[in-house]
Amino acid sequence: MRKLEITLTEEQYQHIQEEMRYAARTNLNEETFGGYSLCLQVGIPDIFPAQLEMKMANSIDLGDVEYEFTDVRN
């Protein structure tokens, strides 16, 4: 099995948390269910940095991130 690990800055992490809290409040007020997706955009590895985008009602560009695939042993 493989694991994808994305490293966030504290600012990126806080932004995600704020958006999730806002969405939860909005969904509760409107009595709807909703989710979100995280999109890792990788161009040419080691040349252009990877970008992370959070998609909810709107798309939020979280900026450059580092990522790594690792082997997970059971």
PDB file of N, CA and C in Angstrom:
ATOM      1  N   MET A   1       0.847  -1.167   0.000  1.00  0.00           N
ATOM      2  CA  MET A   1       0.000   0.000   0.000  1.00  0.00           C
ATOM      3  C   MET A   1       0.896   1.233   0.000  1.00  0.00           C
ATOM      4  N   ARG A   2       0.408   2.266  -0.623  1.00  0.00           N
ATOM      5  CA  ARG A   2       1.136   3.536  -0.685  1.00  0.00           C
ATOM      6  C   ARG A   2       0.348   4.624   0.034  1.00  0.00           C
ATOM      7  N   LYS A   3       1.073   5.610   0.516  1.00  0.00           N
ATOM      8  CA  LYS A   3       0.455   6.743   1.202  1.00  0.00           C
ATOM      9  C   LYS A   3       0.906   8.018   0.499  1.00  0.00           C
ATOM     10  N   LEU A   4      -0.030   8.916   0.287  1.00  0.00           N
ATOM     11  CA  LEU A   4       0.277  10.240  -0.253  1.00  0.00           C
ATOM     12  C   LEU A   4       0.242  11.212   0.914  1.00  0.00           C
ATOM     13  N   GLU A   5       1.349  11.873   1.156  1.00  0.00           N
ATOM     14  CA  GLU A   5       1.441  12.833   2.262  1.00  0.00           C
ATOM     15  C   GLU A   5       1.652  14.223   1.684  1.00  0.00           C
ATOM     16  N   ILE A   6       0.780  15.155   2.076  1.00  0.00           N
ATOM     17  CA  ILE A   6       0.866  16.543   1.625  1.00  0.00           C
ATOM     18  C   ILE A   6       1.221  17.392   2.838  1.00  0.00           C
ATOM     19  N   THR A   7       2.283  18.167   2.717  1.00  0.00           N
ATOM     20  CA  THR A   7       2.735  19.012   3.813  1.00  0.00           C
ATOM     21  C   THR A   7       2.172  20.419   3.637  1.00  0.00           C
ATOM     22  N   LEU A   8       1.455  20.886   4.672  1.00  0.00           N
ATOM     23  CA  LEU A   8       0.839  22.212   4.653  1.00  0.00           C
ATOM     24  C   LEU A   8       1.573  23.154   5.592  1.00  0.00           C
ATOM     25  N   THR A   9       1.534  24.428   5.261  1.00  0.00           N
ATOM     26  CA  THR A   9       1.999  25.437   6.212  1.00  0.00           C
ATOM     27  C   THR A   9       0.898  25.630   7.252  1.00  0.00           C
ATOM     28  N   GLU A  10       1.227  26.256   8.341  1.00  0.00           N
ATOM     29  CA  GLU A  10       0.211  26.533   9.368  1.00  0.00           C
ATOM     30  C   GLU A  10      -0.891  27.411   8.795  1.00  0.00           C
ATOM     31  N   GLU A  11      -0.527  28.376   7.964  1.00  0.00           N
ATOM     32  CA  GLU A  11      -1.505  29.269   7.349  1.00  0.00           C
ATOM     33  C   GLU A  11      -2.468  28.489   6.439  1.00  0.00           C
ATOM     34  N   GLN A  12      -1.940  27.567   5.634  1.00  0.00           N
ATOM     35  CA  GLN A  12      -2.791  26.759   4.764  1.00  0.00           C
ATOM     36  C   GLN A  12      -3.741  25.894   5.589  1.00  0.00           C
ATOM     37  N   TYR A  13      -3.209  25.296   6.643  1.00  0.00           N
ATOM     38  CA  TYR A  13      -4.030  24.455   7.518  1.00  0.00           C
ATOM     39  C   TYR A  13      -5.156  25.272   8.150  1.00  0.00           C
ATOM     40  N   GLN A  14      -4.842  26.450   8.667  1.00  0.00           N
ATOM     41  CA  GLN A  14      -5.852  27.304   9.290  1.00  0.00           C
ATOM     42  C   GLN A  14      -6.915  27.729   8.277  1.00  0.00           C
ATOM     43  N   HIS A  15      -6.490  28.004   7.057  1.00  0.00           N
ATOM     44  CA  HIS A  15      -7.437  28.403   6.004  1.00  0.00           C
ATOM     45  C   HIS A  15      -8.420  27.263   5.732  1.00  0.00           C
ATOM     46  N   ILE A  16      -7.926  26.041   5.641  1.00  0.00           N
ATOM     47  CA  ILE A  16      -8.795  24.885   5.428  1.00  0.00           C
ATOM     48  C   ILE A  16      -9.778  24.735   6.591  1.00  0.00           C
ATOM     49  N   GLN A  17      -9.279  24.857   7.813  1.00  0.00           N
ATOM     50  CA  GLN A  17     -10.144  24.722   8.988  1.00  0.00           C
ATOM     51  C   GLN A  17     -11.241  25.792   9.001  1.00  0.00           C
ATOM     52  N   GLU A  18     -10.890  27.025   8.670  1.00  0.00           N
ATOM     53  CA  GLU A  18     -11.881  28.107   8.631  1.00  0.00           C
ATOM     54  C   GLU A  18     -12.941  27.847   7.575  1.00  0.00           C
ATOM     55  N   GLU A  19     -12.526  27.381   6.409  1.00  0.00           N
ATOM     56  CA  GLU A  19     -13.486  27.094   5.343  1.00  0.00           C
ATOM     57  C   GLU A  19     -14.410  25.950   5.733  1.00  0.00           C
ATOM     58  N   MET A  20     -13.895  24.941   6.410  1.00  0.00           N
ATOM     59  CA  MET A  20     -14.725  23.816   6.840  1.00  0.00           C
ATOM     60  C   MET A  20     -15.742  24.265   7.888  1.00  0.00           C
ATOM     61  N   ARG A  21     -15.328  25.117   8.818  1.00  0.00           N
ATOM     62  CA  ARG A  21     -16.263  25.637   9.824  1.00  0.00           C
ATOM     63  C   ARG A  21     -17.345  26.495   9.162  1.00  0.00           C
ATOM     64  N   TYR A  22     -16.948  27.337   8.220  1.00  0.00           N
ATOM     65  CA  TYR A  22     -17.910  28.179   7.506  1.00  0.00           C
ATOM     66  C   TYR A  22     -18.913  27.314   6.746  1.00  0.00           C
ATOM     67  N   ALA A  23     -18.428  26.289   6.057  1.00  0.00           N
ATOM     68  CA  ALA A  23     -19.317  25.412   5.299  1.00  0.00           C
ATOM     69  C   ALA A  23     -20.273  24.673   6.227  1.00  0.00           C
ATOM     70  N   ALA A  24     -19.787  24.235   7.376  1.00  0.00           N
ATOM     71  CA  ALA A  24     -20.647  23.526   8.332  1.00  0.00           C
ATOM     72  C   ALA A  24     -21.768  24.440   8.818  1.00  0.00           C
ATOM     73  N   ARG A  25     -21.427  25.689   9.148  1.00  0.00           N
ATOM     74  CA  ARG A  25     -22.446  26.651   9.591  1.00  0.00           C
ATOM     75  C   ARG A  25     -23.465  26.915   8.478  1.00  0.00           C
ATOM     76  N   THR A  26     -22.963  27.113   7.273  1.00  0.00           N
ATOM     77  CA  THR A  26     -23.836  27.399   6.126  1.00  0.00           C
ATOM     78  C   THR A  26     -24.756  26.224   5.852  1.00  0.00           C
ATOM     79  N   ASN A  27     -24.205  25.015   5.853  1.00  0.00           N
ATOM     80  CA  ASN A  27     -25.023  23.829   5.595  1.00  0.00           C
ATOM     81  C   ASN A  27     -26.076  23.639   6.680  1.00  0.00           C
ATOM     82  N   LEU A  28     -25.713  23.907   7.925  1.00  0.00           N
ATOM     83  CA  LEU A  28     -26.667  23.785   9.020  1.00  0.00           C
ATOM     84  C   LEU A  28     -27.795  24.800   8.874  1.00  0.00           C
ATOM     85  N   ASN A  29     -27.450  26.034   8.561  1.00  0.00           N
ATOM     86  CA  ASN A  29     -28.464  27.087   8.396  1.00  0.00           C
ATOM     87  C   ASN A  29     -29.399  26.796   7.222  1.00  0.00           C
ATOM     88  N   GLU A  30     -28.842  26.254   6.145  1.00  0.00           N
ATOM     89  CA  GLU A  30     -29.645  25.997   4.948  1.00  0.00           C
ATOM     90  C   GLU A  30     -30.218  24.586   4.924  1.00  0.00           C
ATOM     91  N   GLU A  31     -29.910  23.809   5.966  1.00  0.00           N
ATOM     92  CA  GLU A  31     -30.368  22.432   6.069  1.00  0.00           C
ATOM     93  C   GLU A  31     -29.999  21.617   4.836  1.00  0.00           C
ATOM     94  N   THR A  32     -28.742  21.715   4.457  1.00  0.00           N
ATOM     95  CA  THR A  32     -28.235  20.965   3.312  1.00  0.00           C
ATOM     96  C   THR A  32     -26.999  20.183   3.748  1.00  0.00           C
ATOM     97  N   PHE A  33     -26.619  19.254   2.914  1.00  0.00           N
ATOM     98  CA  PHE A  33     -25.394  18.510   3.140  1.00  0.00           C
ATOM     99  C   PHE A  33     -24.406  18.891   2.058  1.00  0.00           C
ATOM    100  N   GLY A  34     -23.169  18.978   2.416  1.00  0.00           N
ATOM    101  CA  GLY A  34     -22.156  19.316   1.429  1.00  0.00           C
ATOM    102  C   GLY A  34     -20.811  18.792   1.867  1.00  0.00           C
ATOM    103  N   GLY A  35     -19.933  18.713   0.949  1.00  0.00           N
ATOM    104  CA  GLY A  35     -18.593  18.240   1.253  1.00  0.00           C
ATOM    105  C   GLY A  35     -17.583  19.127   0.555  1.00  0.00           C
ATOM    106  N   TYR A  36     -16.396  18.621   0.466  1.00  0.00           N
ATOM    107  CA  TYR A  36     -15.339  19.357  -0.203  1.00  0.00           C
ATOM    108  C   TYR A  36     -14.378  18.365  -0.827  1.00  0.00           C
ATOM    109  N   SER A  37     -13.578  18.842  -1.741  1.00  0.00           N
ATOM    110  CA  SER A  37     -12.531  18.017  -2.325  1.00  0.00           C
ATOM    111  C   SER A  37     -11.233  18.800  -2.304  1.00  0.00           C
ATOM    112  N   LEU A  38     -10.156  18.075  -2.186  1.00  0.00           N
ATOM    113  CA  LEU A  38      -8.819  18.658  -2.270  1.00  0.00           C
ATOM    114  C   LEU A  38      -8.207  18.177  -3.568  1.00  0.00           C
ATOM    115  N   CYS A  39      -7.706  19.097  -4.348  1.00  0.00           N
ATOM    116  CA  CYS A  39      -7.130  18.780  -5.647  1.00  0.00           C
ATOM    117  C   CYS A  39      -5.651  19.155  -5.644  1.00  0.00           C
ATOM    118  N   LEU A  40      -4.796  18.164  -5.788  1.00  0.00           N
ATOM    119  CA  LEU A  40      -3.355  18.381  -5.879  1.00  0.00           C
ATOM    120  C   LEU A  40      -2.993  18.468  -7.351  1.00  0.00           C
ATOM    121  N   GLN A  41      -2.511  19.619  -7.758  1.00  0.00           N
ATOM    122  CA  GLN A  41      -2.157  19.831  -9.165  1.00  0.00           C
ATOM    123  C   GLN A  41      -0.643  19.793  -9.299  1.00  0.00           C
ATOM    124  N   VAL A  42      -0.173  18.797 -10.055  1.00  0.00           N
ATOM    125  CA  VAL A  42       1.262  18.609 -10.228  1.00  0.00           C
ATOM    126  C   VAL A  42       1.587  18.769 -11.704  1.00  0.00           C
ATOM    127  N   GLY A  43       2.469  19.716 -12.001  1.00  0.00           N
ATOM    128  CA  GLY A  43       2.914  19.903 -13.375  1.00  0.00           C
ATOM    129  C   GLY A  43       4.074  18.973 -13.649  1.00  0.00           C
ATOM    130  N   ILE A  44       5.222  19.519 -13.823  1.00  0.00           N
ATOM    131  CA  ILE A  44       6.430  18.737 -14.027  1.00  0.00           C
ATOM    132  C   ILE A  44       7.138  18.649 -12.679  1.00  0.00           C
ATOM    133  N   PRO A  45       7.144  17.444 -12.063  1.00  0.00           N
ATOM    134  CA  PRO A  45       7.777  17.329 -10.744  1.00  0.00           C
ATOM    135  C   PRO A  45       9.220  17.826 -10.755  1.00  0.00           C
ATOM    136  N   ASP A  46       9.619  18.449  -9.688  1.00  0.00           N
ATOM    137  CA  ASP A  46      10.961  18.989  -9.468  1.00  0.00           C
ATOM    138  C   ASP A  46      11.270  20.226 -10.309  1.00  0.00           C
ATOM    139  N   ILE A  47      10.313  20.699 -11.095  1.00  0.00           N
ATOM    140  CA  ILE A  47      10.518  21.941 -11.851  1.00  0.00           C
ATOM    141  C   ILE A  47       9.519  22.994 -11.384  1.00  0.00           C
ATOM    142  N   PHE A  48       8.236  22.624 -11.370  1.00  0.00           N
ATOM    143  CA  PHE A  48       7.193  23.523 -10.895  1.00  0.00           C
ATOM    144  C   PHE A  48       6.642  22.973  -9.593  1.00  0.00           C
ATOM    145  N   PRO A  49       6.387  23.832  -8.613  1.00  0.00           N
ATOM    146  CA  PRO A  49       5.834  23.334  -7.345  1.00  0.00           C
ATOM    147  C   PRO A  49       4.398  22.840  -7.531  1.00  0.00           C
ATOM    148  N   ALA A  50       4.006  21.887  -6.715  1.00  0.00           N
ATOM    149  CA  ALA A  50       2.630  21.392  -6.730  1.00  0.00           C
ATOM    150  C   ALA A  50       1.730  22.437  -6.076  1.00  0.00           C
ATOM    151  N   GLN A  51       0.504  22.498  -6.534  1.00  0.00           N
ATOM    152  CA  GLN A  51      -0.484  23.443  -6.014  1.00  0.00           C
ATOM    153  C   GLN A  51      -1.637  22.658  -5.413  1.00  0.00           C
ATOM    154  N   LEU A  52      -2.175  23.157  -4.310  1.00  0.00           N
ATOM    155  CA  LEU A  52      -3.331  22.518  -3.681  1.00  0.00           C
ATOM    156  C   LEU A  52      -4.525  23.454  -3.778  1.00  0.00           C
ATOM    157  N   GLU A  53      -5.652  22.886  -4.177  1.00  0.00           N
ATOM    158  CA  GLU A  53      -6.883  23.648  -4.313  1.00  0.00           C
ATOM    159  C   GLU A  53      -7.974  22.938  -3.521  1.00  0.00           C
ATOM    160  N   MET A  54      -8.773  23.693  -2.810  1.00  0.00           N
ATOM    161  CA  MET A  54      -9.897  23.154  -2.058  1.00  0.00           C
ATOM    162  C   MET A  54     -11.166  23.581  -2.773  1.00  0.00           C
ATOM    163  N   LYS A  55     -12.015  22.611  -3.088  1.00  0.00           N
ATOM    164  CA  LYS A  55     -13.251  22.912  -3.809  1.00  0.00           C
ATOM    165  C   LYS A  55     -14.444  22.627  -2.911  1.00  0.00           C
ATOM    166  N   MET A  56     -15.212  23.669  -2.665  1.00  0.00           N
ATOM    167  CA  MET A  56     -16.488  23.561  -1.941  1.00  0.00           C
ATOM    168  C   MET A  56     -17.500  24.257  -2.836  1.00  0.00           C
ATOM    169  N   ALA A  57     -18.199  25.222  -2.313  1.00  0.00           N
ATOM    170  CA  ALA A  57     -19.069  26.030  -3.155  1.00  0.00           C
ATOM    171  C   ALA A  57     -18.211  26.846  -4.118  1.00  0.00           C
ATOM    172  N   ASN A  58     -17.048  27.260  -3.646  1.00  0.00           N
ATOM    173  CA  ASN A  58     -16.087  28.000  -4.461  1.00  0.00           C
ATOM    174  C   ASN A  58     -14.769  27.233  -4.459  1.00  0.00           C
ATOM    175  N   SER A  59     -13.908  27.545  -5.402  1.00  0.00           N
ATOM    176  CA  SER A  59     -12.571  26.979  -5.412  1.00  0.00           C
ATOM    177  C   SER A  59     -11.630  27.924  -4.682  1.00  0.00           C
ATOM    178  N   ILE A  60     -10.821  27.360  -3.797  1.00  0.00           N
ATOM    179  CA  ILE A  60      -9.896  28.144  -2.999  1.00  0.00           C
ATOM    180  C   ILE A  60      -8.488  27.668  -3.282  1.00  0.00           C
ATOM    181  N   ASP A  61      -7.653  28.540  -3.804  1.00  0.00           N
ATOM    182  CA  ASP A  61      -6.261  28.193  -4.084  1.00  0.00           C
ATOM    183  C   ASP A  61      -5.470  28.308  -2.790  1.00  0.00           C
ATOM    184  N   LEU A  62      -4.931  27.196  -2.343  1.00  0.00           N
ATOM    185  CA  LEU A  62      -4.162  27.193  -1.098  1.00  0.00           C
ATOM    186  C   LEU A  62      -2.670  27.403  -1.336  1.00  0.00           C
ATOM    187  N   GLY A  63      -2.244  27.419  -2.576  1.00  0.00           N
ATOM    188  CA  GLY A  63      -0.852  27.718  -2.889  1.00  0.00           C
ATOM    189  C   GLY A  63       0.030  26.488  -3.021  1.00  0.00           C
ATOM    190  N   ASP A  64       1.324  26.740  -2.992  1.00  0.00           N
ATOM    191  CA  ASP A  64       2.324  25.689  -3.181  1.00  0.00           C
ATOM    192  C   ASP A  64       2.377  24.755  -1.981  1.00  0.00           C
ATOM    193  N   VAL A  65       2.519  23.473  -2.262  1.00  0.00           N
ATOM    194  CA  VAL A  65       2.665  22.469  -1.219  1.00  0.00           C
ATOM    195  C   VAL A  65       3.737  21.469  -1.621  1.00  0.00           C
ATOM    196  N   GLU A  66       4.244  20.774  -0.648  1.00  0.00           N
ATOM    197  CA  GLU A  66       5.148  19.660  -0.899  1.00  0.00           C
ATOM    198  C   GLU A  66       4.359  18.378  -0.707  1.00  0.00           C
ATOM    199  N   TYR A  67       4.673  17.367  -1.498  1.00  0.00           N
ATOM    200  CA  TYR A  67       3.993  16.091  -1.367  1.00  0.00           C
ATOM    201  C   TYR A  67       5.001  14.963  -1.537  1.00  0.00           C
ATOM    202  N   GLU A  68       4.612  13.796  -1.047  1.00  0.00           N
ATOM    203  CA  GLU A  68       5.512  12.650  -1.123  1.00  0.00           C
ATOM    204  C   GLU A  68       4.692  11.364  -1.083  1.00  0.00           C
ATOM    205  N   PHE A  69       5.059  10.415  -1.919  1.00  0.00           N
ATOM    206  CA  PHE A  69       4.491   9.071  -1.858  1.00  0.00           C
ATOM    207  C   PHE A  69       5.423   8.216  -1.016  1.00  0.00           C
ATOM    208  N   THR A  70       4.852   7.496  -0.057  1.00  0.00           N
ATOM    209  CA  THR A  70       5.660   6.617   0.773  1.00  0.00           C
ATOM    210  C   THR A  70       5.039   5.230   0.782  1.00  0.00           C
ATOM    211  N   ASP A  71       5.866   4.250   1.108  1.00  0.00           N
ATOM    212  CA  ASP A  71       5.419   2.864   1.190  1.00  0.00           C
ATOM    213  C   ASP A  71       4.941   2.591   2.598  1.00  0.00           C
ATOM    214  N   VAL A  72       3.757   2.031   2.734  1.00  0.00           N
ATOM    215  CA  VAL A  72       3.210   1.712   4.051  1.00  0.00           C
ATOM    216  C   VAL A  72       3.209   0.195   4.209  1.00  0.00           C
ATOM    217  N   ARG A  73       3.874  -0.267   5.221  1.00  0.00           N
ATOM    218  CA  ARG A  73       3.928  -1.707   5.502  1.00  0.00           C
ATOM    219  C   ARG A  73       2.890  -2.055   6.568  1.00  0.00           C
ATOM    220  N   ASN A  74       2.174  -3.125   6.368  1.00  0.00           N
ATOM    221  CA  ASN A  74       1.183  -3.570   7.357  1.00  0.00           C
ATOM    222  C   ASN A  74       1.824  -4.419   8.419  1.00  0.00           C
TER     223      ASN A  74
END
